[in-house]
Amino acid sequence: MGRWLRSERGLSVPGGMLAAAGVAAILAGSYVYSQGLIRVSVQEKRPGGDHIRLVVPGVVVPVLMALVPASEIGKHMPAEARQHLPLVQAAMDELQKLPDCTLVEVDGRGEQVRVRVREGLMVVDVNDSGDEVHVTLPLSSLRSVLAKLSRASHSWRHPEHRSDRCSDADDREAGGSKEAL
């Protein structure tokens, strides 16, 4: 018989674990890549002015938003923001349908402002006599923030709208009992 029949070839346990880790890293990397990057660049135009650049994966936004309890966001959300949230969500829905385009373009004395949608990104460029600012945000990141804000606005009720006494129905909805309060 040939030597190839007697040899045992295949993946060892450490080799299999390494292959699984490699596949997981590739999948995680492709997900991070698909979510885009948040870029912020601010440059002061004065002599010796600062130039700040910040680049963060867009996937960080939903992860960080998941760590903040909706009740805390709702508690600190101004009533005016809560009131206009449906309008902002409708605008975001429409923004995602748009082809690449310029939404706002202002060319004034000593200042230029451009707000564009480009390849699934919101791009804001401001250039005036004192600063130059560039911000790029993936629309998917903005959408995840809006979704969390929406959940927060629905889950929190202003203390003035609550009664001092809990009813049994309120306790059942909250999943607790009067003793737990």
C-alpha atoms as a PDB file:
ATOM      1  CA  MET A   1       0.000   0.000   0.000  1.00  0.00           C
ATOM      2  CA  GLY A   2       1.021   3.487  -0.594  1.00  0.00           C
ATOM      3  CA  ARG A   3       2.373   5.731   2.045  1.00  0.00           C
ATOM      4  CA  TRP A   4      -0.512   8.154   1.613  1.00  0.00           C
ATOM      5  CA  LEU A   5      -2.999   5.662   3.048  1.00  0.00           C
ATOM      6  CA  ARG A   6      -1.075   5.359   6.320  1.00  0.00           C
ATOM      7  CA  SER A   7      -0.529   9.065   6.935  1.00  0.00           C
ATOM      8  CA  GLU A   8      -2.959  10.929   9.116  1.00  0.00           C
ATOM      9  CA  ARG A   9      -3.496  14.409   7.880  1.00  0.00           C
ATOM     10  CA  GLY A  10      -6.032  16.941   8.929  1.00  0.00           C
ATOM     11  CA  LEU A  11      -6.486  19.849  11.258  1.00  0.00           C
ATOM     12  CA  SER A  12      -5.234  19.652  14.757  1.00  0.00           C
ATOM     13  CA  VAL A  13      -7.278  21.209  17.548  1.00  0.00           C
ATOM     14  CA  PRO A  14      -5.025  24.285  17.803  1.00  0.00           C
ATOM     15  CA  GLY A  15      -5.054  24.600  14.009  1.00  0.00           C
ATOM     16  CA  GLY A  16      -8.848  24.432  13.951  1.00  0.00           C
ATOM     17  CA  MET A  17      -9.102  27.038  16.685  1.00  0.00           C
ATOM     18  CA  LEU A  18      -6.721  29.304  14.772  1.00  0.00           C
ATOM     19  CA  ALA A  19      -8.773  28.886  11.598  1.00  0.00           C
ATOM     20  CA  ALA A  20     -12.009  29.682  13.488  1.00  0.00           C
ATOM     21  CA  ALA A  21     -10.400  32.770  15.034  1.00  0.00           C
ATOM     22  CA  GLY A  22      -9.244  33.879  11.589  1.00  0.00           C
ATOM     23  CA  VAL A  23     -12.725  33.501  10.115  1.00  0.00           C
ATOM     24  CA  ALA A  24     -14.227  35.391  13.081  1.00  0.00           C
ATOM     25  CA  ALA A  25     -11.689  38.202  12.626  1.00  0.00           C
ATOM     26  CA  ILE A  26     -12.500  38.452   8.910  1.00  0.00           C
ATOM     27  CA  LEU A  27     -16.244  38.559   9.594  1.00  0.00           C
ATOM     28  CA  ALA A  28     -15.839  41.160  12.351  1.00  0.00           C
ATOM     29  CA  GLY A  29     -13.570  43.242  10.136  1.00  0.00           C
ATOM     30  CA  SER A  30     -16.018  43.145   7.244  1.00  0.00           C
ATOM     31  CA  TYR A  31     -18.870  44.205   9.540  1.00  0.00           C
ATOM     32  CA  VAL A  32     -16.835  47.120  10.915  1.00  0.00           C
ATOM     33  CA  TYR A  33     -15.898  48.086   7.357  1.00  0.00           C
ATOM     34  CA  SER A  34     -19.526  47.926   6.209  1.00  0.00           C
ATOM     35  CA  GLN A  35     -20.572  50.337   8.978  1.00  0.00           C
ATOM     36  CA  GLY A  36     -18.134  52.977   7.742  1.00  0.00           C
ATOM     37  CA  LEU A  37     -16.023  55.469   9.651  1.00  0.00           C
ATOM     38  CA  ILE A  38     -16.924  58.583  11.575  1.00  0.00           C
ATOM     39  CA  ARG A  39     -14.381  61.259  10.733  1.00  0.00           C
ATOM     40  CA  VAL A  40     -14.012  64.646  12.389  1.00  0.00           C
ATOM     41  CA  SER A  41     -11.322  67.142  11.427  1.00  0.00           C
ATOM     42  CA  VAL A  42     -11.062  70.611  12.963  1.00  0.00           C
ATOM     43  CA  GLN A  43      -8.282  73.017  12.050  1.00  0.00           C
ATOM     44  CA  GLU A  44      -7.854  76.463  13.562  1.00  0.00           C
ATOM     45  CA  LYS A  45      -6.547  78.906  10.978  1.00  0.00           C
ATOM     46  CA  ARG A  46      -4.652  81.138  13.389  1.00  0.00           C
ATOM     47  CA  PRO A  47      -0.855  80.824  13.522  1.00  0.00           C
ATOM     48  CA  GLY A  48       0.021  77.853  15.702  1.00  0.00           C
ATOM     49  CA  GLY A  49      -3.625  76.764  15.664  1.00  0.00           C
ATOM     50  CA  ASP A  50      -4.583  73.232  16.597  1.00  0.00           C
ATOM     51  CA  HIS A  51      -5.519  70.538  14.109  1.00  0.00           C
ATOM     52  CA  ILE A  52      -7.608  67.775  15.615  1.00  0.00           C
ATOM     53  CA  ARG A  53      -8.440  64.617  13.700  1.00  0.00           C
ATOM     54  CA  LEU A  54     -10.652  61.875  15.026  1.00  0.00           C
ATOM     55  CA  VAL A  55     -11.494  58.684  13.158  1.00  0.00           C
ATOM     56  CA  VAL A  56     -13.778  56.136  14.821  1.00  0.00           C
ATOM     57  CA  PRO A  57     -15.442  53.052  13.327  1.00  0.00           C
ATOM     58  CA  GLY A  58     -19.159  53.694  12.870  1.00  0.00           C
ATOM     59  CA  VAL A  59     -19.949  50.402  14.604  1.00  0.00           C
ATOM     60  CA  VAL A  60     -18.793  51.966  17.888  1.00  0.00           C
ATOM     61  CA  VAL A  61     -21.898  54.177  18.015  1.00  0.00           C
ATOM     62  CA  PRO A  62     -24.529  51.418  18.370  1.00  0.00           C
ATOM     63  CA  VAL A  63     -22.277  49.525  20.785  1.00  0.00           C
ATOM     64  CA  LEU A  64     -21.855  52.564  23.035  1.00  0.00           C
ATOM     65  CA  MET A  65     -25.531  53.486  22.755  1.00  0.00           C
ATOM     66  CA  ALA A  66     -26.436  49.971  23.913  1.00  0.00           C
ATOM     67  CA  LEU A  67     -24.495  50.592  27.130  1.00  0.00           C
ATOM     68  CA  VAL A  68     -26.578  53.642  28.049  1.00  0.00           C
ATOM     69  CA  PRO A  69     -29.955  52.771  29.610  1.00  0.00           C
ATOM     70  CA  ALA A  70     -32.902  54.149  27.648  1.00  0.00           C
ATOM     71  CA  SER A  71     -34.399  55.466  30.893  1.00  0.00           C
ATOM     72  CA  GLU A  72     -31.342  57.683  31.447  1.00  0.00           C
ATOM     73  CA  ILE A  73     -31.477  59.041  27.918  1.00  0.00           C
ATOM     74  CA  GLY A  74     -35.212  59.674  28.254  1.00  0.00           C
ATOM     75  CA  LYS A  75     -34.778  61.404  31.591  1.00  0.00           C
ATOM     76  CA  HIS A  76     -32.313  63.916  30.144  1.00  0.00           C
ATOM     77  CA  MET A  77     -33.955  64.375  26.733  1.00  0.00           C
ATOM     78  CA  PRO A  78     -35.492  67.849  26.384  1.00  0.00           C
ATOM     79  CA  ALA A  79     -39.230  67.890  25.703  1.00  0.00           C
ATOM     80  CA  GLU A  80     -38.617  69.796  22.474  1.00  0.00           C
ATOM     81  CA  ALA A  81     -36.301  67.054  21.200  1.00  0.00           C
ATOM     82  CA  ARG A  82     -38.848  64.402  22.157  1.00  0.00           C
ATOM     83  CA  GLN A  83     -41.545  66.353  20.297  1.00  0.00           C
ATOM     84  CA  HIS A  84     -39.529  66.657  17.057  1.00  0.00           C
ATOM     85  CA  LEU A  85     -38.067  63.146  17.037  1.00  0.00           C
ATOM     86  CA  PRO A  86     -40.679  61.717  14.603  1.00  0.00           C
ATOM     87  CA  LEU A  87     -39.884  64.520  12.155  1.00  0.00           C
ATOM     88  CA  VAL A  88     -36.155  63.796  12.387  1.00  0.00           C
ATOM     89  CA  GLN A  89     -36.802  60.074  11.848  1.00  0.00           C
ATOM     90  CA  ALA A  90     -38.912  60.803   8.759  1.00  0.00           C
ATOM     91  CA  ALA A  91     -36.140  63.049   7.412  1.00  0.00           C
ATOM     92  CA  MET A  92     -33.570  60.286   8.035  1.00  0.00           C
ATOM     93  CA  ASP A  93     -35.761  57.787   6.157  1.00  0.00           C
ATOM     94  CA  GLU A  94     -35.819  60.129   3.174  1.00  0.00           C
ATOM     95  CA  LEU A  95     -32.078  60.886   3.373  1.00  0.00           C
ATOM     96  CA  GLN A  96     -31.293  57.200   2.993  1.00  0.00           C
ATOM     97  CA  LYS A  97     -33.337  57.063  -0.213  1.00  0.00           C
ATOM     98  CA  LEU A  98     -31.494  59.966  -1.853  1.00  0.00           C
ATOM     99  CA  PRO A  99     -28.774  59.508  -4.456  1.00  0.00           C
ATOM    100  CA  ASP A 100     -25.497  61.334  -3.865  1.00  0.00           C
ATOM    101  CA  CYS A 101     -26.397  65.022  -3.735  1.00  0.00           C
ATOM    102  CA  THR A 102     -25.780  68.362  -2.055  1.00  0.00           C
ATOM    103  CA  LEU A 103     -28.444  69.267   0.500  1.00  0.00           C
ATOM    104  CA  VAL A 104     -27.144  72.675   1.587  1.00  0.00           C
ATOM    105  CA  GLU A 105     -24.584  74.934  -0.020  1.00  0.00           C
ATOM    106  CA  VAL A 106     -23.808  78.383   1.356  1.00  0.00           C
ATOM    107  CA  ASP A 107     -21.091  80.591  -0.072  1.00  0.00           C
ATOM    108  CA  GLY A 108     -20.928  83.801   1.899  1.00  0.00           C
ATOM    109  CA  ARG A 109     -18.305  86.366   2.697  1.00  0.00           C
ATOM    110  CA  GLY A 110     -15.513  84.502   4.369  1.00  0.00           C
ATOM    111  CA  GLU A 111     -17.518  81.319   4.884  1.00  0.00           C
ATOM    112  CA  GLN A 112     -18.520  78.235   2.987  1.00  0.00           C
ATOM    113  CA  VAL A 113     -20.868  75.518   4.228  1.00  0.00           C
ATOM    114  CA  ARG A 114     -21.738  72.320   2.417  1.00  0.00           C
ATOM    115  CA  VAL A 115     -23.922  69.463   3.623  1.00  0.00           C
ATOM    116  CA  ARG A 116     -24.000  66.470   1.299  1.00  0.00           C
ATOM    117  CA  VAL A 117     -25.103  62.870   1.110  1.00  0.00           C
ATOM    118  CA  ARG A 118     -22.415  60.760  -0.505  1.00  0.00           C
ATOM    119  CA  GLU A 119     -22.202  56.966  -0.677  1.00  0.00           C
ATOM    120  CA  GLY A 120     -24.311  56.407   2.451  1.00  0.00           C
ATOM    121  CA  LEU A 121     -22.527  59.154   4.395  1.00  0.00           C
ATOM    122  CA  MET A 122     -23.587  62.553   5.675  1.00  0.00           C
ATOM    123  CA  VAL A 123     -20.713  64.922   4.841  1.00  0.00           C
ATOM    124  CA  VAL A 124     -20.530  68.379   6.443  1.00  0.00           C
ATOM    125  CA  ASP A 125     -17.803  70.831   5.422  1.00  0.00           C
ATOM    126  CA  VAL A 126     -17.500  74.273   7.015  1.00  0.00           C
ATOM    127  CA  ASN A 127     -14.782  76.725   6.103  1.00  0.00           C
ATOM    128  CA  ASP A 128     -14.722  80.204   7.603  1.00  0.00           C
ATOM    129  CA  SER A 129     -12.131  82.787   8.539  1.00  0.00           C
ATOM    130  CA  GLY A 130     -11.350  81.100  11.869  1.00  0.00           C
ATOM    131  CA  ASP A 131     -11.752  77.362  11.387  1.00  0.00           C
ATOM    132  CA  GLU A 132     -12.055  74.586   8.874  1.00  0.00           C
ATOM    133  CA  VAL A 133     -14.298  71.713   9.970  1.00  0.00           C
ATOM    134  CA  HIS A 134     -15.044  68.450   8.180  1.00  0.00           C
ATOM    135  CA  VAL A 135     -17.414  65.808   9.576  1.00  0.00           C
ATOM    136  CA  THR A 136     -18.331  62.519   7.915  1.00  0.00           C
ATOM    137  CA  LEU A 137     -20.987  60.285   9.482  1.00  0.00           C
ATOM    138  CA  PRO A 138     -22.385  57.003   8.172  1.00  0.00           C
ATOM    139  CA  LEU A 139     -26.156  57.312   7.846  1.00  0.00           C
ATOM    140  CA  SER A 140     -26.425  53.882   9.482  1.00  0.00           C
ATOM    141  CA  SER A 141     -24.796  55.288  12.637  1.00  0.00           C
ATOM    142  CA  LEU A 142     -27.209  58.211  12.684  1.00  0.00           C
ATOM    143  CA  ARG A 143     -30.079  55.784  12.245  1.00  0.00           C
ATOM    144  CA  SER A 144     -28.986  53.670  15.225  1.00  0.00           C
ATOM    145  CA  VAL A 145     -28.767  56.797  17.402  1.00  0.00           C
ATOM    146  CA  LEU A 146     -32.265  57.842  16.339  1.00  0.00           C
ATOM    147  CA  ALA A 147     -33.625  54.363  17.071  1.00  0.00           C
ATOM    148  CA  LYS A 148     -32.187  54.470  20.601  1.00  0.00           C
ATOM    149  CA  LEU A 149     -33.519  58.003  21.159  1.00  0.00           C
ATOM    150  CA  SER A 150     -36.946  56.887  19.973  1.00  0.00           C
ATOM    151  CA  ARG A 151     -36.976  53.912  22.371  1.00  0.00           C
ATOM    152  CA  ALA A 152     -35.816  56.205  25.162  1.00  0.00           C
ATOM    153  CA  SER A 153     -38.526  58.779  24.497  1.00  0.00           C
ATOM    154  CA  HIS A 154     -41.237  56.090  24.608  1.00  0.00           C
ATOM    155  CA  SER A 155     -39.903  54.312  27.688  1.00  0.00           C
ATOM    156  CA  TRP A 156     -39.684  57.362  29.924  1.00  0.00           C
ATOM    157  CA  ARG A 157     -42.635  59.246  31.355  1.00  0.00           C
ATOM    158  CA  HIS A 158     -42.276  62.645  32.954  1.00  0.00           C
ATOM    159  CA  PRO A 159     -42.822  62.518  36.750  1.00  0.00           C
ATOM    160  CA  GLU A 160     -45.749  64.965  36.412  1.00  0.00           C
ATOM    161  CA  HIS A 161     -47.606  62.380  34.333  1.00  0.00           C
ATOM    162  CA  ARG A 162     -47.238  59.605  36.885  1.00  0.00           C
ATOM    163  CA  SER A 163     -49.603  59.065  39.723  1.00  0.00           C
ATOM    164  CA  ASP A 164     -48.369  58.770  43.295  1.00  0.00           C
ATOM    165  CA  ARG A 165     -50.073  55.416  43.691  1.00  0.00           C
ATOM    166  CA  CYS A 166     -49.257  52.378  41.611  1.00  0.00           C
ATOM    167  CA  SER A 167     -52.166  50.239  40.568  1.00  0.00           C
ATOM    168  CA  ASP A 168     -51.962  46.498  40.208  1.00  0.00           C
ATOM    169  CA  ALA A 169     -52.218  46.914  36.412  1.00  0.00           C
ATOM    170  CA  ASP A 170     -49.184  49.247  36.411  1.00  0.00           C
ATOM    171  CA  ASP A 171     -47.259  46.700  38.465  1.00  0.00           C
ATOM    172  CA  ARG A 172     -48.113  43.877  36.082  1.00  0.00           C
ATOM    173  CA  GLU A 173     -46.999  46.006  33.090  1.00  0.00           C
ATOM    174  CA  ALA A 174     -43.729  46.816  34.819  1.00  0.00           C
ATOM    175  CA  GLY A 175     -43.203  43.138  35.624  1.00  0.00           C
ATOM    176  CA  GLY A 176     -43.027  43.646  39.346  1.00  0.00           C
ATOM    177  CA  SER A 177     -45.150  43.847  42.430  1.00  0.00           C
ATOM    178  CA  LYS A 178     -45.949  46.536  44.966  1.00  0.00           C
ATOM    179  CA  GLU A 179     -43.528  44.967  47.403  1.00  0.00           C
ATOM    180  CA  ALA A 180     -40.693  45.376  44.916  1.00  0.00           C
ATOM    181  CA  LEU A 181     -41.408  49.111  44.703  1.00  0.00           C
END
